[in-house]
Every structure is written in C-alpha cells, then in structure tokens.
Amino acid sequence: MKLTVDGLKGLLNEGGTARREVVERMIEGLGGRLESMYWAFGDEDLYVTVELPGNTSAAALGLVTSAAGGVRTSTVVLLSPEEIDEAVRQKVEYRAPGA
C-alpha cells in the first residue's frame, strides 16, 4: 500500500499499533485473519498479508480502503503449492499466436 498525504497525517496522529488494530478488526469483520503488517522503506509504505474467505472479500477490502482516501492499494493473490498442483493438473487448450 502507498499512503496518501491524509494517510500519513493519520499515521502520525494515531501511530502504527492503533492502525494495525483498525486493520485487524476490518479483516476479521470480513471473516478473515491478519497474518502480518509491516511498514517499509521504498515504493510501498505498508505490506499487509491477510487470509480472506475469497477474492470478493479482497476486492471489497481494497475498494473501501482506497475510496476512503488514506491509501492506494495493490492486491496480489498468493497461491499455495497445492493450488499450483491443482492448476497444473487442469487441461487447457491453447494455440500460441502464429502457430
């Protein structure tokens, strides 16, 4: 996540622990679990790893937090080794361009 000016002001006012509690309650309200939350130097200001019931919960989380104006989110879906195994077993018909 990238904090906006408003998000930075809120962080300076409330501190990191208070923001983590807000994020944790929000995620639990969606039926999920906060796995980790770290502030960082670099292109992104904040990394949050969560387990949610599904992609629609992740979309809702991103939409609501981004619309509030304090952060700009970027969602990355992580797949377990078992999910990759399932993907590998699926039969996909594909023709490369020009083939």
C-alpha atoms as a PDB file:
ATOM      1  CA  MET A   1       0.000   0.000   0.000  1.00  0.00           C
ATOM      2  CA  LYS A   2       1.039   3.546  -0.611  1.00  0.00           C
ATOM      3  CA  LEU A   3      -0.101   6.104   1.969  1.00  0.00           C
ATOM      4  CA  THR A   4      -1.554   9.383   0.724  1.00  0.00           C
ATOM      5  CA  VAL A   5      -0.907  12.687   2.499  1.00  0.00           C
ATOM      6  CA  ASP A   6      -4.088  12.115   4.529  1.00  0.00           C
ATOM      7  CA  GLY A   7      -2.958   8.603   5.391  1.00  0.00           C
ATOM      8  CA  LEU A   8       0.425   9.870   6.568  1.00  0.00           C
ATOM      9  CA  LYS A   9      -1.260  12.515   8.734  1.00  0.00           C
ATOM     10  CA  GLY A  10      -3.476   9.850  10.275  1.00  0.00           C
ATOM     11  CA  LEU A  11      -0.492   7.594  10.952  1.00  0.00           C
ATOM     12  CA  LEU A  12       1.400  10.444  12.613  1.00  0.00           C
ATOM     13  CA  ASN A  13      -1.651  11.203  14.738  1.00  0.00           C
ATOM     14  CA  GLU A  14      -2.611   7.620  15.724  1.00  0.00           C
ATOM     15  CA  GLY A  15       0.590   5.582  15.457  1.00  0.00           C
ATOM     16  CA  GLY A  16       1.212   2.181  13.938  1.00  0.00           C
ATOM     17  CA  THR A  17      -0.289  -0.002  16.659  1.00  0.00           C
ATOM     18  CA  ALA A  18      -3.645   1.785  16.530  1.00  0.00           C
ATOM     19  CA  ARG A  19      -3.758   1.435  12.751  1.00  0.00           C
ATOM     20  CA  ARG A  20      -2.960  -2.283  12.990  1.00  0.00           C
ATOM     21  CA  GLU A  21      -5.902  -2.718  15.385  1.00  0.00           C
ATOM     22  CA  VAL A  22      -8.220  -0.948  12.917  1.00  0.00           C
ATOM     23  CA  VAL A  23      -6.996  -3.108  10.038  1.00  0.00           C
ATOM     24  CA  GLU A  24      -7.292  -6.296  12.083  1.00  0.00           C
ATOM     25  CA  ARG A  25     -10.907  -5.532  13.088  1.00  0.00           C
ATOM     26  CA  MET A  26     -11.789  -4.736   9.467  1.00  0.00           C
ATOM     27  CA  ILE A  27     -10.313  -8.012   8.202  1.00  0.00           C
ATOM     28  CA  GLU A  28     -11.960 -10.056  10.970  1.00  0.00           C
ATOM     29  CA  GLY A  29     -15.264  -8.391  10.067  1.00  0.00           C
ATOM     30  CA  LEU A  30     -14.898  -9.928   6.608  1.00  0.00           C
ATOM     31  CA  GLY A  31     -14.286 -13.357   8.116  1.00  0.00           C
ATOM     32  CA  GLY A  32     -10.537 -13.171   7.588  1.00  0.00           C
ATOM     33  CA  ARG A  33      -7.345 -13.155   9.593  1.00  0.00           C
ATOM     34  CA  LEU A  34      -4.446 -10.677   9.659  1.00  0.00           C
ATOM     35  CA  GLU A  35      -1.210 -12.620   9.140  1.00  0.00           C
ATOM     36  CA  SER A  36       1.299  -9.755   9.113  1.00  0.00           C
ATOM     37  CA  MET A  37       1.539  -5.983   8.786  1.00  0.00           C
ATOM     38  CA  TYR A  38       4.806  -4.132   8.201  1.00  0.00           C
ATOM     39  CA  TRP A  39       5.713  -0.568   7.313  1.00  0.00           C
ATOM     40  CA  ALA A  40       8.559  -0.303   4.810  1.00  0.00           C
ATOM     41  CA  PHE A  41      11.026   1.978   3.108  1.00  0.00           C
ATOM     42  CA  GLY A  42      10.744   2.153  -0.681  1.00  0.00           C
ATOM     43  CA  ASP A  43       7.980   2.292  -3.259  1.00  0.00           C
ATOM     44  CA  GLU A  44       5.403   0.818  -0.900  1.00  0.00           C
ATOM     45  CA  ASP A  45       4.770   2.187   2.591  1.00  0.00           C
ATOM     46  CA  LEU A  46       2.884  -0.761   4.033  1.00  0.00           C
ATOM     47  CA  TYR A  47       2.655  -4.505   3.439  1.00  0.00           C
ATOM     48  CA  VAL A  48      -0.354  -6.351   4.832  1.00  0.00           C
ATOM     49  CA  THR A  49      -0.739 -10.118   4.461  1.00  0.00           C
ATOM     50  CA  VAL A  50      -4.208 -11.459   5.160  1.00  0.00           C
ATOM     51  CA  GLU A  51      -6.191 -14.635   4.783  1.00  0.00           C
ATOM     52  CA  LEU A  52      -9.692 -13.939   3.498  1.00  0.00           C
ATOM     53  CA  PRO A  53     -12.637 -16.173   2.563  1.00  0.00           C
ATOM     54  CA  GLY A  54     -12.306 -15.311  -1.135  1.00  0.00           C
ATOM     55  CA  ASN A  55     -11.388 -12.830  -3.828  1.00  0.00           C
ATOM     56  CA  THR A  56     -14.602 -10.846  -3.425  1.00  0.00           C
ATOM     57  CA  SER A  57     -13.633 -10.103   0.183  1.00  0.00           C
ATOM     58  CA  ALA A  58     -10.223  -8.949  -1.027  1.00  0.00           C
ATOM     59  CA  ALA A  59     -11.866  -6.735  -3.649  1.00  0.00           C
ATOM     60  CA  ALA A  60     -14.221  -5.241  -1.048  1.00  0.00           C
ATOM     61  CA  LEU A  61     -11.296  -4.526   1.265  1.00  0.00           C
ATOM     62  CA  GLY A  62      -9.336  -2.767  -1.483  1.00  0.00           C
ATOM     63  CA  LEU A  63     -12.311  -0.776  -2.738  1.00  0.00           C
ATOM     64  CA  VAL A  64     -13.330   0.518   0.683  1.00  0.00           C
ATOM     65  CA  THR A  65      -9.834   1.397   1.891  1.00  0.00           C
ATOM     66  CA  SER A  66      -8.849   3.096  -1.367  1.00  0.00           C
ATOM     67  CA  ALA A  67     -12.124   5.033  -1.564  1.00  0.00           C
ATOM     68  CA  ALA A  68     -11.554   6.369   1.959  1.00  0.00           C
ATOM     69  CA  GLY A  69      -8.561   8.282   0.581  1.00  0.00           C
ATOM     70  CA  GLY A  70      -5.817   7.346   3.050  1.00  0.00           C
ATOM     71  CA  VAL A  71      -4.122   4.671   0.962  1.00  0.00           C
ATOM     72  CA  ARG A  72      -3.751   3.385  -2.570  1.00  0.00           C
ATOM     73  CA  THR A  73      -3.921  -0.394  -2.553  1.00  0.00           C
ATOM     74  CA  SER A  74      -2.478  -3.039  -4.803  1.00  0.00           C
ATOM     75  CA  THR A  75      -3.770  -6.565  -4.239  1.00  0.00           C
ATOM     76  CA  VAL A  76      -1.650  -9.626  -5.005  1.00  0.00           C
ATOM     77  CA  VAL A  77      -3.279 -13.052  -4.751  1.00  0.00           C
ATOM     78  CA  LEU A  78      -0.881 -15.671  -3.378  1.00  0.00           C
ATOM     79  CA  LEU A  79      -1.279 -19.337  -4.282  1.00  0.00           C
ATOM     80  CA  SER A  80      -0.251 -22.286  -2.139  1.00  0.00           C
ATOM     81  CA  PRO A  81       1.817 -25.173  -3.563  1.00  0.00           C
ATOM     82  CA  GLU A  82      -1.367 -27.288  -3.506  1.00  0.00           C
ATOM     83  CA  GLU A  83      -3.248 -24.693  -5.563  1.00  0.00           C
ATOM     84  CA  ILE A  84      -0.439 -24.688  -8.125  1.00  0.00           C
ATOM     85  CA  ASP A  85      -0.614 -28.507  -8.228  1.00  0.00           C
ATOM     86  CA  GLU A  86      -4.338 -28.212  -8.965  1.00  0.00           C
ATOM     87  CA  ALA A  87      -3.654 -25.677 -11.722  1.00  0.00           C
ATOM     88  CA  VAL A  88      -1.001 -27.916 -13.294  1.00  0.00           C
ATOM     89  CA  ARG A  89      -3.477 -30.826 -13.452  1.00  0.00           C
ATOM     90  CA  GLN A  90      -6.061 -28.788 -15.390  1.00  0.00           C
ATOM     91  CA  LYS A  91      -6.241 -29.354 -19.121  1.00  0.00           C
ATOM     92  CA  VAL A  92      -6.090 -26.091 -21.069  1.00  0.00           C
ATOM     93  CA  GLU A  93      -6.442 -25.862 -24.842  1.00  0.00           C
ATOM     94  CA  TYR A  94      -4.188 -23.133 -26.182  1.00  0.00           C
ATOM     95  CA  ARG A  95      -2.662 -22.145 -29.509  1.00  0.00           C
ATOM     96  CA  ALA A  96       0.300 -19.768 -29.484  1.00  0.00           C
ATOM     97  CA  PRO A  97      -0.009 -16.675 -31.716  1.00  0.00           C
ATOM     98  CA  GLY A  98       1.039 -17.529 -35.265  1.00  0.00           C
ATOM     99  CA  ALA A  99       1.156 -21.291 -34.634  1.00  0.00           C
END
